[in-house]
PDB file of N, CA and C in Angstrom:
ATOM      1  N   UNK A   1      18.647   1.850  24.460  1.00  0.00           N
ATOM      2  CA  UNK A   1      18.587   2.947  24.274  1.00  0.00           C
ATOM      3  C   UNK A   1      19.872   2.725  22.537  1.00  0.00           C
ATOM      4  N   UNK A   2      19.786   3.475  21.824  1.00  0.00           N
ATOM      5  CA  UNK A   2      20.960   3.832  20.672  1.00  0.00           C
ATOM      6  C   UNK A   2      20.974   5.398  20.625  1.00  0.00           C
ATOM      7  N   UNK A   3      22.752   5.049  21.029  1.00  0.00           N
ATOM      8  CA  UNK A   3      23.409   6.816  21.306  1.00  0.00           C
ATOM      9  C   UNK A   3      24.080   6.917  20.444  1.00  0.00           C
ATOM     10  N   UNK A   4      24.898   8.174  20.450  1.00  0.00           N
ATOM     11  CA  UNK A   4      25.734   8.233  19.705  1.00  0.00           C
ATOM     12  C   UNK A   4      27.265   7.262  20.093  1.00  0.00           C
ATOM     13  N   UNK A   5      26.885   6.565  21.591  1.00  0.00           N
ATOM     14  CA  UNK A   5      28.362   6.301  21.389  1.00  0.00           C
ATOM     15  C   UNK A   5      28.200   4.662  20.620  1.00  0.00           C
ATOM     16  N   UNK A   6      26.913   4.192  21.006  1.00  0.00           N
ATOM     17  CA  UNK A   6      27.031   2.493  20.730  1.00  0.00           C
ATOM     18  C   UNK A   6      26.448   2.546  19.706  1.00  0.00           C
ATOM     19  N   UNK A   7      26.741   3.887  18.608  1.00  0.00           N
ATOM     20  CA  UNK A   7      25.724   3.350  16.977  1.00  0.00           C
ATOM     21  C   UNK A   7      25.978   2.984  16.152  1.00  0.00           C
ATOM     22  N   UNK A   8      27.254   2.511  15.601  1.00  0.00           N
ATOM     23  CA  UNK A   8      27.558   1.669  15.349  1.00  0.00           C
ATOM     24  C   UNK A   8      27.749   0.218  15.397  1.00  0.00           C
ATOM     25  N   UNK A   9      27.984   0.256  16.936  1.00  0.00           N
ATOM     26  CA  UNK A   9      27.312  -1.699  17.214  1.00  0.00           C
ATOM     27  C   UNK A   9      26.253  -2.153  16.728  1.00  0.00           C
ATOM     28  N   UNK A  10      25.358  -0.751  16.564  1.00  0.00           N
ATOM     29  CA  UNK A  10      23.464  -1.160  16.949  1.00  0.00           C
ATOM     30  C   UNK A  10      23.957  -1.347  15.323  1.00  0.00           C
ATOM     31  N   UNK A  11      24.444  -0.693  14.777  1.00  0.00           N
ATOM     32  CA  UNK A  11      24.097  -0.712  13.278  1.00  0.00           C
ATOM     33  C   UNK A  11      24.037  -1.752  13.044  1.00  0.00           C
ATOM     34  N   UNK A  12      25.793  -2.307  13.415  1.00  0.00           N
ATOM     35  CA  UNK A  12      26.344  -4.130  12.896  1.00  0.00           C
ATOM     36  C   UNK A  12      25.321  -4.508  12.667  1.00  0.00           C
ATOM     37  N   UNK A  13      25.292  -4.483  14.776  1.00  0.00           N
ATOM     38  CA  UNK A  13      23.810  -5.868  14.844  1.00  0.00           C
ATOM     39  C   UNK A  13      22.911  -5.998  13.758  1.00  0.00           C
ATOM     40  N   UNK A  14      22.588  -4.511  13.591  1.00  0.00           N
ATOM     41  CA  UNK A  14      20.985  -4.484  12.665  1.00  0.00           C
ATOM     42  C   UNK A  14      20.969  -5.153  12.395  1.00  0.00           C
ATOM     43  N   UNK A  15      21.787  -4.586  11.628  1.00  0.00           N
ATOM     44  CA  UNK A  15      21.833  -5.372   9.842  1.00  0.00           C
ATOM     45  C   UNK A  15      22.375  -6.832   9.827  1.00  0.00           C
ATOM     46  N   UNK A  16      23.440  -7.128  11.195  1.00  0.00           N
ATOM     47  CA  UNK A  16      23.239  -8.571  10.487  1.00  0.00           C
ATOM     48  C   UNK A  16      22.090  -9.798  10.891  1.00  0.00           C
ATOM     49  N   UNK A  17      21.286  -9.062  11.708  1.00  0.00           N
ATOM     50  CA  UNK A  17      19.630  -9.698  12.305  1.00  0.00           C
ATOM     51  C   UNK A  17      18.469  -9.463  11.315  1.00  0.00           C
ATOM     52  N   UNK A  18      19.100  -8.012  10.857  1.00  0.00           N
ATOM     53  CA  UNK A  18      17.787  -7.783   9.743  1.00  0.00           C
ATOM     54  C   UNK A  18      18.036  -7.347   8.070  1.00  0.00           C
ATOM     55  N   UNK A  19      19.330  -7.629   7.999  1.00  0.00           N
ATOM     56  CA  UNK A  19      19.764  -6.984   6.603  1.00  0.00           C
ATOM     57  C   UNK A  19      19.844  -5.682   6.515  1.00  0.00           C
ATOM     58  N   UNK A  20      19.390  -5.405   6.000  1.00  0.00           N
ATOM     59  CA  UNK A  20      18.498  -3.560   5.305  1.00  0.00           C
ATOM     60  C   UNK A  20      18.721  -3.263   6.633  1.00  0.00           C
ATOM     61  N   UNK A  21      18.328  -1.514   6.720  1.00  0.00           N
ATOM     62  CA  UNK A  21      18.829  -0.193   7.485  1.00  0.00           C
ATOM     63  C   UNK A  21      18.695   0.868   7.376  1.00  0.00           C
ATOM     64  N   UNK A  22      17.759   1.686   7.470  1.00  0.00           N
ATOM     65  CA  UNK A  22      17.464   2.493   7.183  1.00  0.00           C
ATOM     66  C   UNK A  22      17.288   3.453   8.840  1.00  0.00           C
ATOM     67  N   UNK A  23      16.887   4.524   9.286  1.00  0.00           N
ATOM     68  CA  UNK A  23      16.984   6.123  10.056  1.00  0.00           C
ATOM     69  C   UNK A  23      15.553   6.777   9.847  1.00  0.00           C
ATOM     70  N   UNK A  24      14.945   6.727  10.350  1.00  0.00           N
ATOM     71  CA  UNK A  24      14.332   8.117  10.069  1.00  0.00           C
ATOM     72  C   UNK A  24      14.080   8.641  11.460  1.00  0.00           C
ATOM     73  N   UNK A  25      14.577   9.949  10.987  1.00  0.00           N
ATOM     74  CA  UNK A  25      14.688  11.068  11.959  1.00  0.00           C
ATOM     75  C   UNK A  25      13.377  12.453  12.413  1.00  0.00           C
ATOM     76  N   UNK A  26      13.219  12.537  13.797  1.00  0.00           N
ATOM     77  CA  UNK A  26      12.402  13.119  14.005  1.00  0.00           C
ATOM     78  C   UNK A  26      12.499  14.363  14.730  1.00  0.00           C
ATOM     79  N   UNK A  27      12.021  15.510  15.069  1.00  0.00           N
ATOM     80  CA  UNK A  27      12.237  16.496  16.070  1.00  0.00           C
ATOM     81  C   UNK A  27      11.482  15.669  17.161  1.00  0.00           C
ATOM     82  N   UNK A  28      11.461  16.726  18.306  1.00  0.00           N
ATOM     83  CA  UNK A  28      10.532  16.392  19.117  1.00  0.00           C
ATOM     84  C   UNK A  28       8.825  17.159  18.713  1.00  0.00           C
ATOM     85  N   UNK A  29       9.156  17.893  17.759  1.00  0.00           N
ATOM     86  CA  UNK A  29       7.925  18.100  18.018  1.00  0.00           C
ATOM     87  C   UNK A  29       6.994  17.552  17.005  1.00  0.00           C
ATOM     88  N   UNK A  30       7.870  17.594  15.602  1.00  0.00           N
ATOM     89  CA  UNK A  30       6.847  16.299  14.502  1.00  0.00           C
ATOM     90  C   UNK A  30       6.876  15.010  15.243  1.00  0.00           C
ATOM     91  N   UNK A  31       7.325  14.514  16.345  1.00  0.00           N
ATOM     92  CA  UNK A  31       7.274  13.546  16.721  1.00  0.00           C
ATOM     93  C   UNK A  31       5.164  13.605  18.122  1.00  0.00           C
ATOM     94  N   UNK A  32       5.383  15.121  17.802  1.00  0.00           N
ATOM     95  CA  UNK A  32       4.079  15.107  18.620  1.00  0.00           C
ATOM     96  C   UNK A  32       3.381  14.964  17.536  1.00  0.00           C
ATOM     97  N   UNK A  33       3.617  15.730  17.051  1.00  0.00           N
ATOM     98  CA  UNK A  33       2.668  15.831  15.998  1.00  0.00           C
ATOM     99  C   UNK A  33       1.984  14.934  15.077  1.00  0.00           C
ATOM    100  N   UNK A  34       2.917  14.084  14.459  1.00  0.00           N
ATOM    101  CA  UNK A  34       2.942  12.446  14.154  1.00  0.00           C
ATOM    102  C   UNK A  34       1.651  12.014  15.757  1.00  0.00           C
ATOM    103  N   UNK A  35       1.797  11.995  16.675  1.00  0.00           N
ATOM    104  CA  UNK A  35       1.480  11.398  17.831  1.00  0.00           C
ATOM    105  C   UNK A  35      -0.237  12.236  17.783  1.00  0.00           C
ATOM    106  N   UNK A  36      -0.295  13.339  18.040  1.00  0.00           N
ATOM    107  CA  UNK A  36      -1.915  13.978  18.043  1.00  0.00           C
ATOM    108  C   UNK A  36      -2.197  12.904  16.311  1.00  0.00           C
ATOM    109  N   UNK A  37      -1.339  13.180  15.437  1.00  0.00           N
ATOM    110  CA  UNK A  37      -2.332  12.546  14.317  1.00  0.00           C
ATOM    111  C   UNK A  37      -2.651  11.254  13.779  1.00  0.00           C
ATOM    112  N   UNK A  38      -2.403  10.498  14.698  1.00  0.00           N
ATOM    113  CA  UNK A  38      -2.491   9.336  14.528  1.00  0.00           C
ATOM    114  C   UNK A  38      -3.948   8.727  15.469  1.00  0.00           C
ATOM    115  N   UNK A  39      -3.464  10.022  16.743  1.00  0.00           N
ATOM    116  CA  UNK A  39      -4.229   9.517  17.826  1.00  0.00           C
ATOM    117  C   UNK A  39      -5.948   9.915  17.338  1.00  0.00           C
ATOM    118  N   UNK A  40      -6.309  11.165  16.394  1.00  0.00           N
ATOM    119  CA  UNK A  40      -6.578  11.595  15.660  1.00  0.00           C
ATOM    120  C   UNK A  40      -7.974  10.877  14.657  1.00  0.00           C
ATOM    121  N   UNK A  41      -6.284  10.186  13.474  1.00  0.00           N
ATOM    122  CA  UNK A  41      -7.098   8.735  12.645  1.00  0.00           C
ATOM    123  C   UNK A  41      -7.701   7.548  13.656  1.00  0.00           C
ATOM    124  N   UNK A  42      -6.814   6.950  14.934  1.00  0.00           N
ATOM    125  CA  UNK A  42      -7.801   6.010  15.286  1.00  0.00           C
ATOM    126  C   UNK A  42      -9.087   6.871  16.562  1.00  0.00           C
ATOM    127  N   UNK A  43      -8.979   7.859  16.455  1.00  0.00           N
ATOM    128  CA  UNK A  43     -10.938   8.359  17.078  1.00  0.00           C
ATOM    129  C   UNK A  43     -11.137   8.749  15.721  1.00  0.00           C
ATOM    130  N   UNK A  44     -10.876   8.466  14.345  1.00  0.00           N
ATOM    131  CA  UNK A  44     -11.781   9.026  13.072  1.00  0.00           C
ATOM    132  C   UNK A  44     -12.289   7.432  12.804  1.00  0.00           C
ATOM    133  N   UNK A  45     -11.975   6.946  13.197  1.00  0.00           N
ATOM    134  CA  UNK A  45     -11.915   5.547  12.786  1.00  0.00           C
ATOM    135  C   UNK A  45     -12.972   4.574  13.786  1.00  0.00           C
ATOM    136  N   UNK A  46     -12.654   4.799  15.299  1.00  0.00           N
ATOM    137  CA  UNK A  46     -13.574   4.642  15.746  1.00  0.00           C
ATOM    138  C   UNK A  46     -14.854   5.073  15.668  1.00  0.00           C
ATOM    139  N   UNK A  47     -14.967   6.203  15.218  1.00  0.00           N
ATOM    140  CA  UNK A  47     -16.409   7.110  15.159  1.00  0.00           C
ATOM    141  C   UNK A  47     -17.098   5.930  13.664  1.00  0.00           C
ATOM    142  N   UNK A  48     -16.475   5.956  12.893  1.00  0.00           N
ATOM    143  CA  UNK A  48     -16.904   5.408  11.171  1.00  0.00           C
ATOM    144  C   UNK A  48     -17.266   4.792  11.864  1.00  0.00           C
ATOM    145  N   UNK A  49     -16.446   3.575  12.793  1.00  0.00           N
ATOM    146  CA  UNK A  49     -16.968   2.093  12.664  1.00  0.00           C
ATOM    147  C   UNK A  49     -18.105   2.237  13.294  1.00  0.00           C
ATOM    148  N   UNK A  50     -18.514   2.607  14.442  1.00  0.00           N
ATOM    149  CA  UNK A  50     -19.945   2.971  15.228  1.00  0.00           C
ATOM    150  C   UNK A  50     -20.580   3.708  14.290  1.00  0.00           C
ATOM    151  N   UNK A  51     -20.545   4.280  13.980  1.00  0.00           N
ATOM    152  CA  UNK A  51     -21.657   4.938  12.236  1.00  0.00           C
ATOM    153  C   UNK A  51     -21.764   3.992  11.669  1.00  0.00           C
ATOM    154  N   UNK A  52     -21.131   2.816  11.282  1.00  0.00           N
ATOM    155  CA  UNK A  52     -21.267   1.518  10.423  1.00  0.00           C
ATOM    156  C   UNK A  52     -22.063   1.106  11.108  1.00  0.00           C
ATOM    157  N   UNK A  53     -21.911   0.445  12.464  1.00  0.00           N
ATOM    158  CA  UNK A  53     -22.615  -0.472  13.192  1.00  0.00           C
ATOM    159  C   UNK A  53     -24.191   0.020  13.158  1.00  0.00           C
ATOM    160  N   UNK A  54     -23.828   1.512  13.374  1.00  0.00           N
ATOM    161  CA  UNK A  54     -25.472   2.066  13.904  1.00  0.00           C
ATOM    162  C   UNK A  54     -26.531   2.023  12.336  1.00  0.00           C
ATOM    163  N   UNK A  55     -25.491   1.764  11.381  1.00  0.00           N
ATOM    164  CA  UNK A  55     -26.345   2.192  10.218  1.00  0.00           C
ATOM    165  C   UNK A  55     -26.815   0.353   9.452  1.00  0.00           C
ATOM    166  N   UNK A  56     -25.998  -0.194  10.193  1.00  0.00           N
ATOM    167  CA  UNK A  56     -25.800  -2.032   9.872  1.00  0.00           C
ATOM    168  C   UNK A  56     -27.947  -2.599  11.199  1.00  0.00           C
ATOM    169  N   UNK A  57     -27.588  -1.796  12.015  1.00  0.00           N
ATOM    170  CA  UNK A  57     -27.976  -2.204  12.817  1.00  0.00           C
ATOM    171  C   UNK A  57     -29.630  -1.404  12.496  1.00  0.00           C
ATOM    172  N   UNK A  58     -29.491  -0.646  11.685  1.00  0.00           N
ATOM    173  CA  UNK A  58     -31.048   0.054  11.892  1.00  0.00           C
ATOM    174  C   UNK A  58     -31.636  -0.355  10.332  1.00  0.00           C
ATOM    175  N   UNK A  59     -30.666  -1.249   9.133  1.00  0.00           N
ATOM    176  CA  UNK A  59     -31.050  -0.936   8.041  1.00  0.00           C
ATOM    177  C   UNK A  59     -31.470  -2.929   8.473  1.00  0.00           C
ATOM    178  N   UNK A  60     -31.787  -3.553   9.588  1.00  0.00           N
ATOM    179  CA  UNK A  60     -31.995  -5.164  10.046  1.00  0.00           C
ATOM    180  C   UNK A  60     -33.868  -4.904   9.827  1.00  0.00           C
ATOM    181  N   UNK A  61     -34.396  -5.750   9.306  1.00  0.00           N
ATOM    182  CA  UNK A  61     -35.561  -6.259   8.885  1.00  0.00           C
ATOM    183  C   UNK A  61     -36.075  -5.870  10.447  1.00  0.00           C
ATOM    184  N   UNK A  62     -37.431  -5.592  11.044  1.00  0.00           N
ATOM    185  CA  UNK A  62     -37.638  -5.122  12.245  1.00  0.00           C
ATOM    186  C   UNK A  62     -38.239  -6.878  12.383  1.00  0.00           C
ATOM    187  N   UNK A  63     -38.081  -6.859  14.501  1.00  0.00           N
ATOM    188  CA  UNK A  63     -38.669  -8.491  13.778  1.00  0.00           C
ATOM    189  C   UNK A  63     -39.923  -8.308  14.163  1.00  0.00           C
ATOM    190  N   UNK A  64     -40.939  -9.223  13.300  1.00  0.00           N
ATOM    191  CA  UNK A  64     -42.434  -9.704  13.117  1.00  0.00           C
ATOM    192  C   UNK A  64     -43.037 -10.235  13.803  1.00  0.00           C
ATOM    193  N   UNK A  65     -43.738  -9.231  13.898  1.00  0.00           N
ATOM    194  CA  UNK A  65     -44.954  -9.050  15.197  1.00  0.00           C
ATOM    195  C   UNK A  65     -45.873 -10.761  15.239  1.00  0.00           C
ATOM    196  N   UNK A  66     -46.511 -10.919  15.630  1.00  0.00           N
ATOM    197  CA  UNK A  66     -46.781 -12.289  16.302  1.00  0.00           C
ATOM    198  C   UNK A  66     -48.096 -12.023  15.796  1.00  0.00           C
ATOM    199  N   UNK A  67     -49.008 -13.009  14.579  1.00  0.00           N
ATOM    200  CA  UNK A  67     -49.805 -12.974  14.799  1.00  0.00           C
ATOM    201  C   UNK A  67     -50.801 -13.790  15.364  1.00  0.00           C
ATOM    202  N   UNK A  68     -52.179 -12.880  16.372  1.00  0.00           N
ATOM    203  CA  UNK A  68     -52.606 -13.889  17.360  1.00  0.00           C
ATOM    204  C   UNK A  68     -53.978 -14.720  16.514  1.00  0.00           C
ATOM    205  N   UNK A  69     -53.775 -14.448  15.113  1.00  0.00           N
ATOM    206  CA  UNK A  69     -55.020 -14.840  13.871  1.00  0.00           C
ATOM    207  C   UNK A  69     -56.163 -14.274  13.986  1.00  0.00           C
ATOM    208  N   UNK A  70     -56.077 -12.742  14.273  1.00  0.00           N
ATOM    209  CA  UNK A  70     -56.749 -12.285  14.598  1.00  0.00           C
ATOM    210  C   UNK A  70     -56.678 -10.762  13.904  1.00  0.00           C
ATOM    211  N   UNK A  71     -56.215 -10.797  12.273  1.00  0.00           N
ATOM    212  CA  UNK A  71     -55.972  -9.736  11.851  1.00  0.00           C
ATOM    213  C   UNK A  71     -57.555  -8.968  11.435  1.00  0.00           C
ATOM    214  N   UNK A  72     -57.138  -7.768  11.920  1.00  0.00           N
ATOM    215  CA  UNK A  72     -58.056  -6.133  11.882  1.00  0.00           C
ATOM    216  C   UNK A  72     -58.100  -5.373  10.550  1.00  0.00           C
TER     217      UNK A  72
END
């Protein structure tokens, strides 16, 4: 965990290992909104995937009925 006491060392270590360093800060409320939005996106994507599978299955040709030679 990074805090104000170890921030300088963390930046030095991170930069040495990964190069560029950037900070993204979120308030607790913004983080909560982000988490809710991501959950909504996941739900929507899963829902769309289910719909696509449903229609792909519906568009498949029905299995042909076996013919016994007595076509009437």
